Amino acid sequence: MRAYRVAYDGRAFHGFQRQPNVATVSDTLLAALEDLDVLADKADAPPGYAAAGRTDAGVSAVAQTVGFDAPDWLTPRAFDSELPPDVRVWAVADAPADFHATHDATSREYVYHLHAPPDAVDDERARAALDGLRGEHDFHNLTPDEDGTVRDLDGSIRRDGDYLVLRVRAGGFARQLVRRLVALIDEIGRGERDRDAVDRVLAPESLPGPAGVPAAPPEPLVLADVTYPDLAFERDPEAAASAREVFRERRVRHATRARVADDLVDGVGRAEED
């Protein structure tokens, strides 16, 4: 068995998990393995294939982890040779024969880049909301899941210009839990909910529709880390350098688009003043 670290820009995908008739990260990985003749005849996946988490549509990752029975020659750079640029494998670890990428992970860490200008969001209110959510709670009001909703959560918030960078860690996360946590913190930080909303969300009673917390948009969310205490990942220098270059080019492209959007905003503003 081997475990691979996978980074991807999730904005072009309908999530990680395989789905019919839409592009997913898992389908992309398995198609590459098929092209590399790693799959047995008529097999849908290699033996033991599993992933650390099922990221939602639009969510990106730095350290998604997939494990399966892989040949020794399948290095990260070999894997990348059949992958599109927005999916990059950059590290690998030998794993025990019974390794399972989902069940053997002891913690997962997500980062959310929340647009929260200081004139709109009170940092202290946001931090107080996160403080109330730390620890072991039943988060049933922040996920559509009906079981697996008790989690032991830790996290932090730091300001970076007009953004609050929220970092949360737990053994695992129920569906939409991170995005709803972010939405709740954002609403409290903006004064749209009072701080007692955290207690109401964590209470045993289910929240009625209008009082429920919607999920924040998925695109600013990144699966930043997955912990496996017994694995030692080896970074593939060539694959990692290739991944950095691919994502650096995407950063420049999107930054350029943002400058064009700035011109549109400023131009329309000047036209209104004339």
C-alpha atoms as a PDB file:
ATOM      1  CA  MET A   1       0.000   0.000   0.000  1.00  0.00           C
ATOM      2  CA  ARG A   2       1.058   3.562  -0.646  1.00  0.00           C
ATOM      3  CA  ALA A   3      -0.440   6.906   0.316  1.00  0.00           C
ATOM      4  CA  TYR A   4      -0.253   9.953  -1.959  1.00  0.00           C
ATOM      5  CA  ARG A   5      -0.659  13.627  -1.129  1.00  0.00           C
ATOM      6  CA  VAL A   6      -2.794  15.403  -3.718  1.00  0.00           C
ATOM      7  CA  ALA A   7      -3.234  19.133  -4.253  1.00  0.00           C
ATOM      8  CA  TYR A   8      -6.017  20.446  -6.469  1.00  0.00           C
ATOM      9  CA  ASP A   9      -7.875  23.565  -7.463  1.00  0.00           C
ATOM     10  CA  GLY A  10     -11.396  22.379  -6.772  1.00  0.00           C
ATOM     11  CA  ARG A  11     -13.264  25.149  -8.543  1.00  0.00           C
ATOM     12  CA  ALA A  12     -13.576  23.147 -11.767  1.00  0.00           C
ATOM     13  CA  PHE A  13     -14.819  19.988 -10.046  1.00  0.00           C
ATOM     14  CA  HIS A  14     -18.118  18.796  -8.618  1.00  0.00           C
ATOM     15  CA  GLY A  15     -16.389  17.636  -5.459  1.00  0.00           C
ATOM     16  CA  PHE A  16     -14.000  14.793  -4.750  1.00  0.00           C
ATOM     17  CA  GLN A  17     -16.339  11.804  -4.666  1.00  0.00           C
ATOM     18  CA  ARG A  18     -17.186  10.016  -7.910  1.00  0.00           C
ATOM     19  CA  GLN A  19     -20.458  11.067  -9.537  1.00  0.00           C
ATOM     20  CA  PRO A  20     -22.036  10.199 -12.895  1.00  0.00           C
ATOM     21  CA  ASN A  21     -21.788  12.675 -15.780  1.00  0.00           C
ATOM     22  CA  VAL A  22     -19.798  15.384 -13.958  1.00  0.00           C
ATOM     23  CA  ALA A  23     -16.091  16.004 -13.408  1.00  0.00           C
ATOM     24  CA  THR A  24     -14.806  15.006  -9.961  1.00  0.00           C
ATOM     25  CA  VAL A  25     -11.320  14.776  -8.505  1.00  0.00           C
ATOM     26  CA  SER A  26     -11.626  11.064  -7.788  1.00  0.00           C
ATOM     27  CA  ASP A  27     -12.719  10.311 -11.354  1.00  0.00           C
ATOM     28  CA  THR A  28      -9.714  12.290 -12.572  1.00  0.00           C
ATOM     29  CA  LEU A  29      -7.289  10.315 -10.381  1.00  0.00           C
ATOM     30  CA  LEU A  30      -8.780   6.977 -11.358  1.00  0.00           C
ATOM     31  CA  ALA A  31      -8.725   7.871 -15.054  1.00  0.00           C
ATOM     32  CA  ALA A  32      -5.008   8.622 -14.710  1.00  0.00           C
ATOM     33  CA  LEU A  33      -4.428   5.266 -13.014  1.00  0.00           C
ATOM     34  CA  GLU A  34      -6.299   3.556 -15.834  1.00  0.00           C
ATOM     35  CA  ASP A  35      -4.154   5.327 -18.434  1.00  0.00           C
ATOM     36  CA  LEU A  36      -1.062   4.223 -16.504  1.00  0.00           C
ATOM     37  CA  ASP A  37      -2.288   0.576 -16.549  1.00  0.00           C
ATOM     38  CA  VAL A  38      -2.416   0.476 -12.754  1.00  0.00           C
ATOM     39  CA  LEU A  39      -6.008  -0.776 -12.672  1.00  0.00           C
ATOM     40  CA  ALA A  40      -6.707  -4.454 -13.135  1.00  0.00           C
ATOM     41  CA  ASP A  41      -8.831  -5.421 -16.128  1.00  0.00           C
ATOM     42  CA  LYS A  42     -12.389  -4.044 -15.718  1.00  0.00           C
ATOM     43  CA  ALA A  43     -11.627  -2.763 -12.199  1.00  0.00           C
ATOM     44  CA  ASP A  44     -13.137   0.574 -11.161  1.00  0.00           C
ATOM     45  CA  ALA A  45     -10.354   1.287  -8.647  1.00  0.00           C
ATOM     46  CA  PRO A  46      -7.158  -0.324  -7.365  1.00  0.00           C
ATOM     47  CA  PRO A  47      -7.361  -2.546  -4.256  1.00  0.00           C
ATOM     48  CA  GLY A  48      -7.772  -0.608  -1.016  1.00  0.00           C
ATOM     49  CA  TYR A  49      -8.530   2.689  -2.754  1.00  0.00           C
ATOM     50  CA  ALA A  50      -9.810   5.329  -0.312  1.00  0.00           C
ATOM     51  CA  ALA A  51      -9.402   9.055   0.318  1.00  0.00           C
ATOM     52  CA  ALA A  52      -9.006  11.148   3.447  1.00  0.00           C
ATOM     53  CA  GLY A  53     -12.114  13.216   2.808  1.00  0.00           C
ATOM     54  CA  ARG A  54     -14.938  13.943   0.394  1.00  0.00           C
ATOM     55  CA  THR A  55     -14.499  17.634  -0.319  1.00  0.00           C
ATOM     56  CA  ASP A  56     -17.557  19.433  -1.670  1.00  0.00           C
ATOM     57  CA  ALA A  57     -17.898  20.932  -5.136  1.00  0.00           C
ATOM     58  CA  GLY A  58     -15.594  23.934  -5.457  1.00  0.00           C
ATOM     59  CA  VAL A  59     -13.425  23.072  -2.430  1.00  0.00           C
ATOM     60  CA  SER A  60      -9.660  22.875  -3.003  1.00  0.00           C
ATOM     61  CA  ALA A  61      -6.966  20.871  -1.232  1.00  0.00           C
ATOM     62  CA  VAL A  62      -3.280  20.967  -0.416  1.00  0.00           C
ATOM     63  CA  ALA A  63      -3.046  17.629   1.385  1.00  0.00           C
ATOM     64  CA  GLN A  64      -5.899  15.421   0.231  1.00  0.00           C
ATOM     65  CA  THR A  65      -4.621  11.881   0.688  1.00  0.00           C
ATOM     66  CA  VAL A  66      -5.459   8.776  -1.327  1.00  0.00           C
ATOM     67  CA  GLY A  67      -4.192   5.313  -0.479  1.00  0.00           C
ATOM     68  CA  PHE A  68      -4.241   2.105  -2.504  1.00  0.00           C
ATOM     69  CA  ASP A  69      -2.182  -0.907  -3.534  1.00  0.00           C
ATOM     70  CA  ALA A  70       0.277   0.773  -5.918  1.00  0.00           C
ATOM     71  CA  PRO A  71       3.288  -0.478  -7.882  1.00  0.00           C
ATOM     72  CA  ASP A  72       6.707   0.713  -6.732  1.00  0.00           C
ATOM     73  CA  TRP A  73       7.308   2.655  -9.964  1.00  0.00           C
ATOM     74  CA  LEU A  74       4.265   4.900  -9.395  1.00  0.00           C
ATOM     75  CA  THR A  75       6.034   7.994  -8.130  1.00  0.00           C
ATOM     76  CA  PRO A  76       4.199  11.298  -7.757  1.00  0.00           C
ATOM     77  CA  ARG A  77       5.769  12.584 -10.980  1.00  0.00           C
ATOM     78  CA  ALA A  78       4.661   9.414 -12.822  1.00  0.00           C
ATOM     79  CA  PHE A  79       1.140   9.889 -11.459  1.00  0.00           C
ATOM     80  CA  ASP A  80       1.190  13.540 -12.578  1.00  0.00           C
ATOM     81  CA  SER A  81       2.117  12.562 -16.129  1.00  0.00           C
ATOM     82  CA  GLU A  82      -1.504  11.551 -16.762  1.00  0.00           C
ATOM     83  CA  LEU A  83      -3.213  14.224 -14.650  1.00  0.00           C
ATOM     84  CA  PRO A  84      -4.517  17.642 -15.738  1.00  0.00           C
ATOM     85  CA  PRO A  85      -2.692  20.700 -14.388  1.00  0.00           C
ATOM     86  CA  ASP A  86      -5.297  21.473 -11.718  1.00  0.00           C
ATOM     87  CA  VAL A  87      -4.676  18.121  -9.951  1.00  0.00           C
ATOM     88  CA  ARG A  88      -1.112  17.476  -8.738  1.00  0.00           C
ATOM     89  CA  VAL A  89       0.322  14.591  -6.709  1.00  0.00           C
ATOM     90  CA  TRP A  90       3.391  15.830  -4.805  1.00  0.00           C
ATOM     91  CA  ALA A  91       4.364  13.367  -2.044  1.00  0.00           C
ATOM     92  CA  VAL A  92       4.142   9.667  -1.214  1.00  0.00           C
ATOM     93  CA  ALA A  93       4.483   7.374   1.802  1.00  0.00           C
ATOM     94  CA  ASP A  94       4.732   3.633   2.216  1.00  0.00           C
ATOM     95  CA  ALA A  95       1.770   2.352   4.226  1.00  0.00           C
ATOM     96  CA  PRO A  96       0.801  -0.892   5.974  1.00  0.00           C
ATOM     97  CA  ALA A  97      -1.151  -3.473   4.005  1.00  0.00           C
ATOM     98  CA  ASP A  98      -4.328  -2.646   5.951  1.00  0.00           C
ATOM     99  CA  PHE A  99      -3.998   1.139   5.573  1.00  0.00           C
ATOM    100  CA  HIS A 100      -7.250   3.034   4.978  1.00  0.00           C
ATOM    101  CA  ALA A 101      -6.918   6.720   4.049  1.00  0.00           C
ATOM    102  CA  THR A 102     -10.279   7.612   5.582  1.00  0.00           C
ATOM    103  CA  HIS A 103     -10.294   5.634   8.823  1.00  0.00           C
ATOM    104  CA  ASP A 104      -6.597   5.968   9.725  1.00  0.00           C
ATOM    105  CA  ALA A 105      -6.523   9.769   9.631  1.00  0.00           C
ATOM    106  CA  THR A 106      -6.385  11.148  13.171  1.00  0.00           C
ATOM    107  CA  SER A 107      -7.132  14.776  12.294  1.00  0.00           C
ATOM    108  CA  ARG A 108      -8.073  17.002   9.398  1.00  0.00           C
ATOM    109  CA  GLU A 109      -7.476  20.727   9.083  1.00  0.00           C
ATOM    110  CA  TYR A 110      -9.394  23.150   6.879  1.00  0.00           C
ATOM    111  CA  VAL A 111      -8.656  26.794   6.090  1.00  0.00           C
ATOM    112  CA  TYR A 112     -11.330  29.246   4.989  1.00  0.00           C
ATOM    113  CA  HIS A 113     -10.523  32.670   3.491  1.00  0.00           C
ATOM    114  CA  LEU A 114     -13.470  34.813   4.580  1.00  0.00           C
ATOM    115  CA  HIS A 115     -13.873  38.211   2.969  1.00  0.00           C
ATOM    116  CA  ALA A 116     -14.520  40.312   6.072  1.00  0.00           C
ATOM    117  CA  PRO A 117     -13.407  43.967   5.812  1.00  0.00           C
ATOM    118  CA  PRO A 118     -12.701  45.530   9.233  1.00  0.00           C
ATOM    119  CA  ASP A 119     -15.462  48.084   8.703  1.00  0.00           C
ATOM    120  CA  ALA A 120     -17.995  45.272   8.267  1.00  0.00           C
ATOM    121  CA  VAL A 121     -16.842  42.525  10.634  1.00  0.00           C
ATOM    122  CA  ASP A 122     -15.841  42.870  14.287  1.00  0.00           C
ATOM    123  CA  ASP A 123     -12.829  40.601  14.834  1.00  0.00           C
ATOM    124  CA  GLU A 124     -13.468  40.182  18.546  1.00  0.00           C
ATOM    125  CA  ARG A 125     -17.065  39.096  17.989  1.00  0.00           C
ATOM    126  CA  ALA A 126     -15.863  36.588  15.387  1.00  0.00           C
ATOM    127  CA  ARG A 127     -13.193  35.224  17.740  1.00  0.00           C
ATOM    128  CA  ALA A 128     -15.705  34.980  20.579  1.00  0.00           C
ATOM    129  CA  ALA A 129     -17.986  32.947  18.311  1.00  0.00           C
ATOM    130  CA  LEU A 130     -15.167  30.542  17.471  1.00  0.00           C
ATOM    131  CA  ASP A 131     -14.236  30.262  21.156  1.00  0.00           C
ATOM    132  CA  GLY A 132     -17.785  29.134  21.884  1.00  0.00           C
ATOM    133  CA  LEU A 133     -17.565  26.460  19.176  1.00  0.00           C
ATOM    134  CA  ARG A 134     -14.262  24.990  20.374  1.00  0.00           C
ATOM    135  CA  GLY A 135     -14.256  21.710  22.238  1.00  0.00           C
ATOM    136  CA  GLU A 136     -16.441  18.638  21.966  1.00  0.00           C
ATOM    137  CA  HIS A 137     -20.019  19.385  20.890  1.00  0.00           C
ATOM    138  CA  ASP A 138     -22.869  17.894  18.942  1.00  0.00           C
ATOM    139  CA  PHE A 139     -22.922  19.993  15.760  1.00  0.00           C
ATOM    140  CA  HIS A 140     -26.167  18.497  14.468  1.00  0.00           C
ATOM    141  CA  ASN A 141     -27.544  21.968  13.663  1.00  0.00           C
ATOM    142  CA  LEU A 142     -24.596  22.697  11.368  1.00  0.00           C
ATOM    143  CA  THR A 143     -24.787  19.688   9.044  1.00  0.00           C
ATOM    144  CA  PRO A 144     -27.406  17.751   7.069  1.00  0.00           C
ATOM    145  CA  ASP A 145     -25.922  14.517   8.460  1.00  0.00           C
ATOM    146  CA  GLU A 146     -27.978  12.650  11.036  1.00  0.00           C
ATOM    147  CA  ASP A 147     -25.097  10.779  12.687  1.00  0.00           C
ATOM    148  CA  GLY A 148     -21.404  11.398  13.247  1.00  0.00           C
ATOM    149  CA  THR A 149     -22.216  14.946  14.355  1.00  0.00           C
ATOM    150  CA  VAL A 150     -20.277  14.950  17.657  1.00  0.00           C
ATOM    151  CA  ARG A 151     -16.844  16.444  17.048  1.00  0.00           C
ATOM    152  CA  ASP A 152     -13.977  17.836  19.123  1.00  0.00           C
ATOM    153  CA  LEU A 153     -13.118  21.101  17.391  1.00  0.00           C
ATOM    154  CA  ASP A 154     -10.142  23.417  17.655  1.00  0.00           C
ATOM    155  CA  GLY A 155      -9.421  26.492  15.580  1.00  0.00           C
ATOM    156  CA  SER A 156      -8.007  29.969  15.176  1.00  0.00           C
ATOM    157  CA  ILE A 157      -8.707  33.234  13.370  1.00  0.00           C
ATOM    158  CA  ARG A 158      -6.185  35.751  12.073  1.00  0.00           C
ATOM    159  CA  ARG A 159      -6.722  38.913  10.091  1.00  0.00           C
ATOM    160  CA  ASP A 160      -5.042  39.331   6.720  1.00  0.00           C
ATOM    161  CA  GLY A 161      -6.102  42.664   5.238  1.00  0.00           C
ATOM    162  CA  ASP A 162      -9.758  42.466   4.252  1.00  0.00           C
ATOM    163  CA  TYR A 163      -9.863  38.747   5.032  1.00  0.00           C
ATOM    164  CA  LEU A 164     -10.238  36.653   8.135  1.00  0.00           C
ATOM    165  CA  VAL A 165      -8.368  33.375   7.773  1.00  0.00           C
ATOM    166  CA  LEU A 166     -10.210  30.717   9.754  1.00  0.00           C
ATOM    167  CA  ARG A 167      -8.346  27.503  10.533  1.00  0.00           C
ATOM    168  CA  VAL A 168     -10.291  24.605  12.079  1.00  0.00           C
ATOM    169  CA  ARG A 169      -9.114  21.132  13.066  1.00  0.00           C
ATOM    170  CA  ALA A 170     -10.945  18.004  14.220  1.00  0.00           C
ATOM    171  CA  GLY A 171     -10.745  14.253  13.860  1.00  0.00           C
ATOM    172  CA  GLY A 172     -13.268  14.551  11.049  1.00  0.00           C
ATOM    173  CA  PHE A 173     -16.002  16.820   9.775  1.00  0.00           C
ATOM    174  CA  ALA A 174     -19.623  16.119   8.958  1.00  0.00           C
ATOM    175  CA  ARG A 175     -20.963  17.389   5.638  1.00  0.00           C
ATOM    176  CA  GLN A 176     -20.953  21.192   5.282  1.00  0.00           C
ATOM    177  CA  LEU A 177     -19.855  21.573   8.902  1.00  0.00           C
ATOM    178  CA  VAL A 178     -16.879  23.829   8.174  1.00  0.00           C
ATOM    179  CA  ARG A 179     -18.834  26.039   5.786  1.00  0.00           C
ATOM    180  CA  ARG A 180     -21.719  26.439   8.231  1.00  0.00           C
ATOM    181  CA  LEU A 181     -19.315  27.163  11.073  1.00  0.00           C
ATOM    182  CA  VAL A 182     -17.830  29.915   8.929  1.00  0.00           C
ATOM    183  CA  ALA A 183     -21.258  31.310   8.060  1.00  0.00           C
ATOM    184  CA  LEU A 184     -22.234  31.424  11.738  1.00  0.00           C
ATOM    185  CA  ILE A 185     -18.986  33.161  12.726  1.00  0.00           C
ATOM    186  CA  ASP A 186     -19.403  35.629   9.859  1.00  0.00           C
ATOM    187  CA  GLU A 187     -22.982  36.497  10.831  1.00  0.00           C
ATOM    188  CA  ILE A 188     -22.009  37.024  14.473  1.00  0.00           C
ATOM    189  CA  GLY A 189     -18.996  39.107  13.430  1.00  0.00           C
ATOM    190  CA  ARG A 190     -21.267  41.290  11.284  1.00  0.00           C
ATOM    191  CA  GLY A 191     -23.806  41.693  14.079  1.00  0.00           C
ATOM    192  CA  GLU A 192     -26.501  39.823  12.143  1.00  0.00           C
ATOM    193  CA  ARG A 193     -26.773  37.315  15.001  1.00  0.00           C
ATOM    194  CA  ASP A 194     -25.977  37.837  18.655  1.00  0.00           C
ATOM    195  CA  ARG A 195     -23.305  35.819  20.439  1.00  0.00           C
ATOM    196  CA  ASP A 196     -25.936  33.659  22.119  1.00  0.00           C
ATOM    197  CA  ALA A 197     -26.569  32.134  18.682  1.00  0.00           C
ATOM    198  CA  VAL A 198     -23.678  29.745  19.334  1.00  0.00           C
ATOM    199  CA  ASP A 199     -25.459  28.319  22.378  1.00  0.00           C
ATOM    200  CA  ARG A 200     -28.686  27.928  20.400  1.00  0.00           C
ATOM    201  CA  VAL A 201     -26.871  26.141  17.578  1.00  0.00           C
ATOM    202  CA  LEU A 202     -25.183  23.735  20.001  1.00  0.00           C
ATOM    203  CA  ALA A 203     -28.379  23.011  21.936  1.00  0.00           C
ATOM    204  CA  PRO A 204     -30.062  19.597  21.580  1.00  0.00           C
ATOM    205  CA  GLU A 205     -33.129  21.126  19.915  1.00  0.00           C
ATOM    206  CA  SER A 206     -33.150  21.303  16.131  1.00  0.00           C
ATOM    207  CA  LEU A 207     -33.311  24.798  14.691  1.00  0.00           C
ATOM    208  CA  PRO A 208     -36.347  25.669  12.562  1.00  0.00           C
ATOM    209  CA  GLY A 209     -35.796  26.682   8.950  1.00  0.00           C
ATOM    210  CA  PRO A 210     -35.370  30.470   9.260  1.00  0.00           C
ATOM    211  CA  ALA A 211     -33.112  30.066  12.300  1.00  0.00           C
ATOM    212  CA  GLY A 212     -30.876  27.528  10.565  1.00  0.00           C
ATOM    213  CA  VAL A 213     -27.374  28.416   9.435  1.00  0.00           C
ATOM    214  CA  PRO A 214     -26.725  28.276   5.664  1.00  0.00           C
ATOM    215  CA  ALA A 215     -23.412  27.056   4.274  1.00  0.00           C
ATOM    216  CA  ALA A 216     -20.818  29.643   3.274  1.00  0.00           C
ATOM    217  CA  PRO A 217     -19.605  29.448  -0.365  1.00  0.00           C
ATOM    218  CA  PRO A 218     -17.260  26.510  -1.029  1.00  0.00           C
ATOM    219  CA  GLU A 219     -14.612  28.190  -3.192  1.00  0.00           C
ATOM    220  CA  PRO A 220     -12.652  29.868  -0.338  1.00  0.00           C
ATOM    221  CA  LEU A 221     -12.273  26.534   1.516  1.00  0.00           C
ATOM    222  CA  VAL A 222      -9.077  24.449   1.424  1.00  0.00           C
ATOM    223  CA  LEU A 223      -8.317  21.033   2.933  1.00  0.00           C
ATOM    224  CA  ALA A 224      -4.940  22.064   4.340  1.00  0.00           C
ATOM    225  CA  ASP A 225      -3.713  19.015   6.247  1.00  0.00           C
ATOM    226  CA  VAL A 226      -4.527  15.403   7.120  1.00  0.00           C
ATOM    227  CA  THR A 227      -2.581  13.698   9.906  1.00  0.00           C
ATOM    228  CA  TYR A 228      -1.377  10.086   9.842  1.00  0.00           C
ATOM    229  CA  PRO A 229       0.980   9.578  12.810  1.00  0.00           C
ATOM    230  CA  ASP A 230       2.476   6.363  11.461  1.00  0.00           C
ATOM    231  CA  LEU A 231       3.231   7.562   7.910  1.00  0.00           C
ATOM    232  CA  ALA A 232       6.324   9.440   6.741  1.00  0.00           C
ATOM    233  CA  PHE A 233       5.537  11.281   3.517  1.00  0.00           C
ATOM    234  CA  GLU A 234       8.420  11.891   1.142  1.00  0.00           C
ATOM    235  CA  ARG A 235       8.119  15.006  -0.968  1.00  0.00           C
ATOM    236  CA  ASP A 236       8.901  14.463  -4.646  1.00  0.00           C
ATOM    237  CA  PRO A 237      10.997  17.566  -5.461  1.00  0.00           C
ATOM    238  CA  GLU A 238      10.219  17.538  -9.182  1.00  0.00           C
ATOM    239  CA  ALA A 239       6.494  16.947  -8.692  1.00  0.00           C
ATOM    240  CA  ALA A 240       6.284  19.558  -5.938  1.00  0.00           C
ATOM    241  CA  ALA A 241       8.113  22.131  -8.066  1.00  0.00           C
ATOM    242  CA  SER A 242       5.755  21.425 -10.963  1.00  0.00           C
ATOM    243  CA  ALA A 243       2.726  21.835  -8.683  1.00  0.00           C
ATOM    244  CA  ARG A 244       4.024  25.130  -7.312  1.00  0.00           C
ATOM    245  CA  GLU A 245       4.564  26.450 -10.826  1.00  0.00           C
ATOM    246  CA  VAL A 246       1.092  25.385 -11.980  1.00  0.00           C
ATOM    247  CA  PHE A 247      -0.639  27.030  -9.047  1.00  0.00           C
ATOM    248  CA  ARG A 248       1.625  30.099  -9.223  1.00  0.00           C
ATOM    249  CA  GLU A 249       0.492  30.628 -12.821  1.00  0.00           C
ATOM    250  CA  ARG A 250      -3.135  30.290 -11.722  1.00  0.00           C
ATOM    251  CA  ARG A 251      -2.545  32.834  -8.969  1.00  0.00           C
ATOM    252  CA  VAL A 252      -1.190  35.339 -11.482  1.00  0.00           C
ATOM    253  CA  ARG A 253      -4.076  34.700 -13.863  1.00  0.00           C
ATOM    254  CA  HIS A 254      -6.688  35.238 -11.173  1.00  0.00           C
ATOM    255  CA  ALA A 255      -4.877  38.283  -9.785  1.00  0.00           C
ATOM    256  CA  THR A 256      -4.920  39.779 -13.267  1.00  0.00           C
ATOM    257  CA  ARG A 257      -8.647  39.141 -13.554  1.00  0.00           C
ATOM    258  CA  ALA A 258      -9.122  40.832 -10.186  1.00  0.00           C
ATOM    259  CA  ARG A 259      -7.328  43.933 -11.502  1.00  0.00           C
ATOM    260  CA  VAL A 260      -9.683  44.029 -14.475  1.00  0.00           C
ATOM    261  CA  ALA A 261     -12.616  43.784 -12.052  1.00  0.00           C
ATOM    262  CA  ASP A 262     -11.098  46.691 -10.099  1.00  0.00           C
ATOM    263  CA  ASP A 263     -11.130  48.770 -13.288  1.00  0.00           C
ATOM    264  CA  LEU A 264     -14.792  47.917 -13.845  1.00  0.00           C
ATOM    265  CA  VAL A 265     -15.710  48.870 -10.282  1.00  0.00           C
ATOM    266  CA  ASP A 266     -13.716  52.109 -10.443  1.00  0.00           C
ATOM    267  CA  GLY A 267     -14.966  52.974 -13.917  1.00  0.00           C
ATOM    268  CA  VAL A 268     -18.612  52.544 -13.022  1.00  0.00           C
ATOM    269  CA  GLY A 269     -17.991  54.545  -9.842  1.00  0.00           C
ATOM    270  CA  ARG A 270     -16.506  57.442 -11.787  1.00  0.00           C
ATOM    271  CA  ALA A 271     -19.383  57.318 -14.267  1.00  0.00           C
ATOM    272  CA  GLU A 272     -21.874  57.626 -11.406  1.00  0.00           C
ATOM    273  CA  GLU A 273     -20.006  60.690 -10.113  1.00  0.00           C
ATOM    274  CA  ASP A 274     -20.038  62.469 -13.492  1.00  0.00           C
END
